Amino acid sequence: MNKKYKYLLLDLDGTVTDSMEGITRSVQYALENFGITVTDLNTLRPFIGPPLKESFKEFYHFTDEQAETALKKYREYFSTKGLFENKVYEGMPQFLIDQVAKDRQLLLATSKPEPFAKQILAYFGLDSYFTFIGGSTMDGSRSTKTDVISYVLSANHVDDLSAVVMIGDRKHDIIGAENNGIDSIGVLYGFGDEAELRKAGATYIAANLRELSTLLQ
């Protein structure tokens, strides 16, 4: 990579933290409200990354109204328990420290509601590495990754798009980056796979944090 990126936009779930348990348990709780019992949490992994309301509609064919109710139930569990059923990927704190030491600005860009994202980063002591924490809105007015990235760039007055890269583990991160005219790096240690990320058009692929660090040198 011969480009020098000044702004690193980072996804949260599957990129900074492994949030599988908290998210899938929250979805499980929401589905129980509809009489749907899911015992294998692994089957709910596709819910990690995309906007939740759309996932309820896609995977369980919920109507708009049902999806809205499911989202409320999800947040009921997530805001008190699911938030903390989460762990930071090994090596992530050092990666963030190294990038800040290189005078890069770290900006979070997540589909998770912004208040939850701030709580999670503060809980793990990672919030100080980020100059900005951007997420979706609770009312759904900003929900897609394209919208979140646009908001983060605009709020930080980032004009030189060639100095920006989006780092994430799902196709939504890659598509959102492309829609905003910025490069992207798909990481394979999260919840997506190489085929998904390549098909979405990732500029680069990194298997792990070591490869990601090397790519960014």
C-alpha atoms as a PDB file:
ATOM      1  CA  MET A   1       0.000   0.000   0.000  1.00  0.00           C
ATOM      2  CA  ASN A   2       1.615   3.263  -1.072  1.00  0.00           C
ATOM      3  CA  LYS A   3      -1.159   5.483   0.271  1.00  0.00           C
ATOM      4  CA  LYS A   4      -0.885   7.211   3.607  1.00  0.00           C
ATOM      5  CA  TYR A   5      -4.223   7.275   5.368  1.00  0.00           C
ATOM      6  CA  LYS A   6      -4.787   9.992   7.940  1.00  0.00           C
ATOM      7  CA  TYR A   7      -8.307   8.962   8.975  1.00  0.00           C
ATOM      8  CA  LEU A   8      -9.149   5.399   9.964  1.00  0.00           C
ATOM      9  CA  LEU A   9     -12.873   4.704  10.209  1.00  0.00           C
ATOM     10  CA  LEU A  10     -13.429   1.583  12.286  1.00  0.00           C
ATOM     11  CA  ASP A  11     -16.497  -0.595  12.580  1.00  0.00           C
ATOM     12  CA  LEU A  12     -17.240  -1.827  16.133  1.00  0.00           C
ATOM     13  CA  ASP A  13     -18.876  -5.285  16.112  1.00  0.00           C
ATOM     14  CA  GLY A  14     -16.549  -7.863  14.579  1.00  0.00           C
ATOM     15  CA  THR A  15     -13.770  -5.313  14.108  1.00  0.00           C
ATOM     16  CA  VAL A  16     -12.898  -3.777  17.492  1.00  0.00           C
ATOM     17  CA  THR A  17     -14.887  -6.143  19.721  1.00  0.00           C
ATOM     18  CA  ASP A  18     -16.248  -9.677  19.510  1.00  0.00           C
ATOM     19  CA  SER A  19     -19.865  -8.938  20.342  1.00  0.00           C
ATOM     20  CA  MET A  20     -21.316 -12.277  19.250  1.00  0.00           C
ATOM     21  CA  GLU A  21     -22.709 -13.333  22.640  1.00  0.00           C
ATOM     22  CA  GLY A  22     -24.385 -10.046  23.547  1.00  0.00           C
ATOM     23  CA  ILE A  23     -25.986  -9.467  20.152  1.00  0.00           C
ATOM     24  CA  THR A  24     -27.229 -13.034  19.643  1.00  0.00           C
ATOM     25  CA  ARG A  25     -28.638 -13.250  23.194  1.00  0.00           C
ATOM     26  CA  SER A  26     -30.463  -9.949  22.628  1.00  0.00           C
ATOM     27  CA  VAL A  27     -31.926 -11.274  19.344  1.00  0.00           C
ATOM     28  CA  GLN A  28     -32.875 -14.526  21.084  1.00  0.00           C
ATOM     29  CA  TYR A  29     -34.692 -12.509  23.769  1.00  0.00           C
ATOM     30  CA  ALA A  30     -36.523 -10.428  21.144  1.00  0.00           C
ATOM     31  CA  LEU A  31     -37.636 -13.515  19.196  1.00  0.00           C
ATOM     32  CA  GLU A  32     -39.005 -15.149  22.354  1.00  0.00           C
ATOM     33  CA  ASN A  33     -41.526 -12.294  22.477  1.00  0.00           C
ATOM     34  CA  PHE A  34     -42.958 -13.726  19.220  1.00  0.00           C
ATOM     35  CA  GLY A  35     -42.970 -17.318  20.484  1.00  0.00           C
ATOM     36  CA  ILE A  36     -39.843 -18.162  18.463  1.00  0.00           C
ATOM     37  CA  THR A  37     -37.329 -20.235  20.427  1.00  0.00           C
ATOM     38  CA  VAL A  38     -33.708 -20.315  19.247  1.00  0.00           C
ATOM     39  CA  THR A  39     -31.340 -22.536  21.230  1.00  0.00           C
ATOM     40  CA  ASP A  40     -28.233 -22.371  19.011  1.00  0.00           C
ATOM     41  CA  LEU A  41     -26.943 -18.804  19.204  1.00  0.00           C
ATOM     42  CA  ASN A  42     -24.623 -19.456  16.239  1.00  0.00           C
ATOM     43  CA  THR A  43     -27.654 -19.465  13.934  1.00  0.00           C
ATOM     44  CA  LEU A  44     -28.192 -15.796  14.873  1.00  0.00           C
ATOM     45  CA  ARG A  45     -24.695 -14.674  13.833  1.00  0.00           C
ATOM     46  CA  PRO A  46     -26.011 -13.093  10.570  1.00  0.00           C
ATOM     47  CA  PHE A  47     -27.640 -10.426  12.776  1.00  0.00           C
ATOM     48  CA  ILE A  48     -24.187  -9.082  13.666  1.00  0.00           C
ATOM     49  CA  GLY A  49     -23.320  -6.071  11.508  1.00  0.00           C
ATOM     50  CA  PRO A  50     -26.374  -5.112   9.427  1.00  0.00           C
ATOM     51  CA  PRO A  51     -29.118  -2.773  10.709  1.00  0.00           C
ATOM     52  CA  LEU A  52     -31.226  -4.927  13.054  1.00  0.00           C
ATOM     53  CA  LYS A  53     -34.672  -3.926  11.861  1.00  0.00           C
ATOM     54  CA  GLU A  54     -33.835  -5.029   8.314  1.00  0.00           C
ATOM     55  CA  SER A  55     -32.420  -8.317   9.622  1.00  0.00           C
ATOM     56  CA  PHE A  56     -35.630  -9.171  11.498  1.00  0.00           C
ATOM     57  CA  LYS A  57     -37.541  -8.551   8.273  1.00  0.00           C
ATOM     58  CA  GLU A  58     -35.112 -10.498   6.095  1.00  0.00           C
ATOM     59  CA  PHE A  59     -34.496 -13.549   8.305  1.00  0.00           C
ATOM     60  CA  TYR A  60     -37.902 -13.891   9.976  1.00  0.00           C
ATOM     61  CA  HIS A  61     -40.140 -12.120   7.420  1.00  0.00           C
ATOM     62  CA  PHE A  62     -41.406  -9.673  10.037  1.00  0.00           C
ATOM     63  CA  THR A  63     -43.610  -6.776   8.985  1.00  0.00           C
ATOM     64  CA  ASP A  64     -42.383  -3.225   9.665  1.00  0.00           C
ATOM     65  CA  GLU A  65     -44.484  -3.151  12.810  1.00  0.00           C
ATOM     66  CA  GLN A  66     -43.215  -6.517  14.063  1.00  0.00           C
ATOM     67  CA  ALA A  67     -39.615  -5.533  13.313  1.00  0.00           C
ATOM     68  CA  GLU A  68     -40.066  -2.320  15.289  1.00  0.00           C
ATOM     69  CA  THR A  69     -41.403  -4.299  18.272  1.00  0.00           C
ATOM     70  CA  ALA A  70     -38.532  -6.797  17.963  1.00  0.00           C
ATOM     71  CA  LEU A  71     -36.042  -3.914  17.938  1.00  0.00           C
ATOM     72  CA  LYS A  72     -37.523  -2.522  21.161  1.00  0.00           C
ATOM     73  CA  LYS A  73     -37.326  -5.950  22.830  1.00  0.00           C
ATOM     74  CA  TYR A  74     -33.744  -6.363  21.574  1.00  0.00           C
ATOM     75  CA  ARG A  75     -32.738  -3.034  23.129  1.00  0.00           C
ATOM     76  CA  GLU A  76     -34.505  -3.964  26.376  1.00  0.00           C
ATOM     77  CA  TYR A  77     -32.034  -6.837  26.851  1.00  0.00           C
ATOM     78  CA  PHE A  78     -29.031  -5.252  25.159  1.00  0.00           C
ATOM     79  CA  SER A  79     -29.074  -2.006  27.170  1.00  0.00           C
ATOM     80  CA  THR A  80     -28.817  -3.843  30.497  1.00  0.00           C
ATOM     81  CA  LYS A  81     -26.993  -7.124  29.758  1.00  0.00           C
ATOM     82  CA  GLY A  82     -26.042  -7.635  26.117  1.00  0.00           C
ATOM     83  CA  LEU A  83     -23.887  -4.521  26.063  1.00  0.00           C
ATOM     84  CA  PHE A  84     -21.387  -6.175  28.383  1.00  0.00           C
ATOM     85  CA  GLU A  85     -21.517  -9.715  26.925  1.00  0.00           C
ATOM     86  CA  ASN A  86     -18.673  -8.626  24.702  1.00  0.00           C
ATOM     87  CA  LYS A  87     -14.879  -8.802  24.543  1.00  0.00           C
ATOM     88  CA  VAL A  88     -12.102  -6.802  22.901  1.00  0.00           C
ATOM     89  CA  TYR A  89     -10.145  -8.680  20.237  1.00  0.00           C
ATOM     90  CA  GLU A  90      -6.683  -9.683  21.397  1.00  0.00           C
ATOM     91  CA  GLY A  91      -4.117  -7.107  20.280  1.00  0.00           C
ATOM     92  CA  MET A  92      -6.720  -4.413  19.542  1.00  0.00           C
ATOM     93  CA  PRO A  93      -5.658  -1.936  22.296  1.00  0.00           C
ATOM     94  CA  GLN A  94      -2.040  -2.037  21.067  1.00  0.00           C
ATOM     95  CA  PHE A  95      -3.187  -1.623  17.463  1.00  0.00           C
ATOM     96  CA  LEU A  96      -5.125   1.519  18.426  1.00  0.00           C
ATOM     97  CA  ILE A  97      -2.170   2.879  20.427  1.00  0.00           C
ATOM     98  CA  ASP A  98       0.164   2.307  17.458  1.00  0.00           C
ATOM     99  CA  GLN A  99      -2.151   4.080  15.006  1.00  0.00           C
ATOM    100  CA  VAL A 100      -2.604   7.106  17.287  1.00  0.00           C
ATOM    101  CA  ALA A 101       1.202   7.244  17.697  1.00  0.00           C
ATOM    102  CA  LYS A 102       1.415   7.577  13.892  1.00  0.00           C
ATOM    103  CA  ASP A 103      -0.767  10.723  14.098  1.00  0.00           C
ATOM    104  CA  ARG A 104      -3.772   9.016  12.604  1.00  0.00           C
ATOM    105  CA  GLN A 105      -7.277   9.998  13.628  1.00  0.00           C
ATOM    106  CA  LEU A 106      -9.446   7.070  14.678  1.00  0.00           C
ATOM    107  CA  LEU A 107     -13.160   7.545  14.024  1.00  0.00           C
ATOM    108  CA  LEU A 108     -15.730   4.927  14.963  1.00  0.00           C
ATOM    109  CA  ALA A 109     -18.428   4.246  12.346  1.00  0.00           C
ATOM    110  CA  THR A 110     -20.927   1.648  13.552  1.00  0.00           C
ATOM    111  CA  SER A 111     -24.512   0.663  12.763  1.00  0.00           C
ATOM    112  CA  LYS A 112     -24.997   0.273  16.516  1.00  0.00           C
ATOM    113  CA  PRO A 113     -26.867   3.167  18.173  1.00  0.00           C
ATOM    114  CA  GLU A 114     -24.326   5.837  19.101  1.00  0.00           C
ATOM    115  CA  PRO A 115     -25.115   5.877  22.864  1.00  0.00           C
ATOM    116  CA  PHE A 116     -24.461   2.107  23.073  1.00  0.00           C
ATOM    117  CA  ALA A 117     -21.217   2.432  21.089  1.00  0.00           C
ATOM    118  CA  LYS A 118     -19.969   5.150  23.465  1.00  0.00           C
ATOM    119  CA  GLN A 119     -20.876   3.023  26.487  1.00  0.00           C
ATOM    120  CA  ILE A 120     -19.068  -0.037  25.117  1.00  0.00           C
ATOM    121  CA  LEU A 121     -15.845   1.805  24.255  1.00  0.00           C
ATOM    122  CA  ALA A 122     -15.848   3.543  27.659  1.00  0.00           C
ATOM    123  CA  TYR A 123     -16.510   0.218  29.438  1.00  0.00           C
ATOM    124  CA  PHE A 124     -13.425  -1.316  27.802  1.00  0.00           C
ATOM    125  CA  GLY A 125     -11.319   1.833  28.226  1.00  0.00           C
ATOM    126  CA  LEU A 126     -10.929   2.334  24.469  1.00  0.00           C
ATOM    127  CA  ASP A 127     -12.867   5.586  24.026  1.00  0.00           C
ATOM    128  CA  SER A 128      -9.811   7.803  24.554  1.00  0.00           C
ATOM    129  CA  TYR A 129      -8.189   6.493  21.349  1.00  0.00           C
ATOM    130  CA  PHE A 130     -11.064   7.733  19.192  1.00  0.00           C
ATOM    131  CA  THR A 131     -11.437  11.382  18.229  1.00  0.00           C
ATOM    132  CA  PHE A 132     -15.060  10.693  17.271  1.00  0.00           C
ATOM    133  CA  ILE A 133     -17.609   7.951  17.965  1.00  0.00           C
ATOM    134  CA  GLY A 134     -20.329   7.797  15.311  1.00  0.00           C
ATOM    135  CA  GLY A 135     -23.267   5.415  15.199  1.00  0.00           C
ATOM    136  CA  SER A 136     -26.880   5.061  14.164  1.00  0.00           C
ATOM    137  CA  THR A 137     -29.767   6.933  15.766  1.00  0.00           C
ATOM    138  CA  MET A 138     -32.349   5.303  18.030  1.00  0.00           C
ATOM    139  CA  ASP A 139     -35.212   6.631  15.880  1.00  0.00           C
ATOM    140  CA  GLY A 140     -33.892   4.998  12.711  1.00  0.00           C
ATOM    141  CA  SER A 141     -33.263   8.286  10.878  1.00  0.00           C
ATOM    142  CA  ARG A 142     -29.619   7.234  10.443  1.00  0.00           C
ATOM    143  CA  SER A 143     -29.361   3.465  10.156  1.00  0.00           C
ATOM    144  CA  THR A 144     -27.391   2.271   7.112  1.00  0.00           C
ATOM    145  CA  LYS A 145     -23.597   2.089   7.142  1.00  0.00           C
ATOM    146  CA  THR A 146     -23.585   4.460   4.148  1.00  0.00           C
ATOM    147  CA  ASP A 147     -25.440   7.055   6.231  1.00  0.00           C
ATOM    148  CA  VAL A 148     -23.225   6.516   9.278  1.00  0.00           C
ATOM    149  CA  ILE A 149     -20.005   6.950   7.271  1.00  0.00           C
ATOM    150  CA  SER A 150     -21.376  10.082   5.596  1.00  0.00           C
ATOM    151  CA  TYR A 151     -22.286  11.488   9.021  1.00  0.00           C
ATOM    152  CA  VAL A 152     -18.836  10.723  10.488  1.00  0.00           C
ATOM    153  CA  LEU A 153     -17.022  12.341   7.542  1.00  0.00           C
ATOM    154  CA  SER A 154     -19.274  15.392   7.601  1.00  0.00           C
ATOM    155  CA  ALA A 155     -19.128  15.872  11.395  1.00  0.00           C
ATOM    156  CA  ASN A 156     -15.322  15.823  11.254  1.00  0.00           C
ATOM    157  CA  HIS A 157     -15.083  18.086   8.175  1.00  0.00           C
ATOM    158  CA  VAL A 158     -13.090  15.466   6.278  1.00  0.00           C
ATOM    159  CA  ASP A 159     -12.710  16.742   2.711  1.00  0.00           C
ATOM    160  CA  ASP A 160      -9.756  14.723   1.402  1.00  0.00           C
ATOM    161  CA  LEU A 161     -11.419  11.371   0.790  1.00  0.00           C
ATOM    162  CA  SER A 162      -8.167   9.859  -0.486  1.00  0.00           C
ATOM    163  CA  ALA A 163      -6.830  10.121   3.095  1.00  0.00           C
ATOM    164  CA  VAL A 164      -9.646   7.978   4.520  1.00  0.00           C
ATOM    165  CA  VAL A 165     -10.109   4.210   4.810  1.00  0.00           C
ATOM    166  CA  MET A 166     -13.011   2.241   6.315  1.00  0.00           C
ATOM    167  CA  ILE A 167     -12.041  -0.913   8.222  1.00  0.00           C
ATOM    168  CA  GLY A 168     -14.763  -3.493   8.804  1.00  0.00           C
ATOM    169  CA  ASP A 169     -15.713  -7.153   8.702  1.00  0.00           C
ATOM    170  CA  ARG A 170     -18.987  -7.200   6.717  1.00  0.00           C
ATOM    171  CA  LYS A 171     -20.130  -6.249   3.213  1.00  0.00           C
ATOM    172  CA  HIS A 172     -22.090  -3.294   4.639  1.00  0.00           C
ATOM    173  CA  ASP A 173     -18.804  -1.654   5.684  1.00  0.00           C
ATOM    174  CA  ILE A 174     -17.338  -2.109   2.200  1.00  0.00           C
ATOM    175  CA  ILE A 175     -20.470  -0.960   0.348  1.00  0.00           C
ATOM    176  CA  GLY A 176     -20.857   2.008   2.715  1.00  0.00           C
ATOM    177  CA  ALA A 177     -17.255   3.022   2.025  1.00  0.00           C
ATOM    178  CA  GLU A 178     -17.708   2.761  -1.745  1.00  0.00           C
ATOM    179  CA  ASN A 179     -20.926   4.798  -1.603  1.00  0.00           C
ATOM    180  CA  ASN A 180     -18.974   7.539   0.157  1.00  0.00           C
ATOM    181  CA  GLY A 181     -16.008   7.439  -2.245  1.00  0.00           C
ATOM    182  CA  ILE A 182     -13.444   6.067   0.221  1.00  0.00           C
ATOM    183  CA  ASP A 183     -11.188   2.997   0.297  1.00  0.00           C
ATOM    184  CA  SER A 184     -11.937  -0.005   2.485  1.00  0.00           C
ATOM    185  CA  ILE A 185     -10.143  -2.828   4.243  1.00  0.00           C
ATOM    186  CA  GLY A 186     -12.097  -5.999   4.955  1.00  0.00           C
ATOM    187  CA  VAL A 187     -10.896  -7.935   8.022  1.00  0.00           C
ATOM    188  CA  LEU A 188     -11.350 -11.703   8.182  1.00  0.00           C
ATOM    189  CA  TYR A 189     -11.223 -12.205  11.970  1.00  0.00           C
ATOM    190  CA  GLY A 190     -14.790 -10.873  12.421  1.00  0.00           C
ATOM    191  CA  PHE A 191     -18.151 -12.155  11.212  1.00  0.00           C
ATOM    192  CA  GLY A 192     -17.839 -11.891   7.439  1.00  0.00           C
ATOM    193  CA  ASP A 193     -15.736 -14.042   5.116  1.00  0.00           C
ATOM    194  CA  GLU A 194     -13.377 -13.382   2.237  1.00  0.00           C
ATOM    195  CA  ALA A 195     -15.924 -14.180  -0.479  1.00  0.00           C
ATOM    196  CA  GLU A 196     -18.428 -11.692   0.992  1.00  0.00           C
ATOM    197  CA  LEU A 197     -15.840  -8.930   1.338  1.00  0.00           C
ATOM    198  CA  ARG A 198     -14.299  -9.439  -2.116  1.00  0.00           C
ATOM    199  CA  LYS A 199     -17.711  -9.554  -3.777  1.00  0.00           C
ATOM    200  CA  ALA A 200     -18.614  -6.273  -2.051  1.00  0.00           C
ATOM    201  CA  GLY A 201     -15.466  -4.719  -3.528  1.00  0.00           C
ATOM    202  CA  ALA A 202     -13.040  -4.340  -0.622  1.00  0.00           C
ATOM    203  CA  THR A 203      -9.953  -2.347  -1.651  1.00  0.00           C
ATOM    204  CA  TYR A 204      -7.781  -4.569   0.565  1.00  0.00           C
ATOM    205  CA  ILE A 205      -8.244  -7.686   2.708  1.00  0.00           C
ATOM    206  CA  ALA A 206      -6.456  -8.384   6.008  1.00  0.00           C
ATOM    207  CA  ALA A 207      -6.631 -11.793   7.671  1.00  0.00           C
ATOM    208  CA  ASN A 208      -5.688 -10.531  11.124  1.00  0.00           C
ATOM    209  CA  LEU A 209      -4.480  -7.488  13.059  1.00  0.00           C
ATOM    210  CA  ARG A 210      -0.860  -8.137  12.121  1.00  0.00           C
ATOM    211  CA  GLU A 211      -1.747  -8.025   8.413  1.00  0.00           C
ATOM    212  CA  LEU A 212      -3.897  -4.951   8.992  1.00  0.00           C
ATOM    213  CA  SER A 213      -0.996  -3.150  10.708  1.00  0.00           C
ATOM    214  CA  THR A 214       1.363  -4.105   7.853  1.00  0.00           C
ATOM    215  CA  LEU A 215      -1.151  -2.883   5.252  1.00  0.00           C
ATOM    216  CA  LEU A 216      -1.368   0.489   6.992  1.00  0.00           C
ATOM    217  CA  GLN A 217       2.403   1.045   7.222  1.00  0.00           C
END
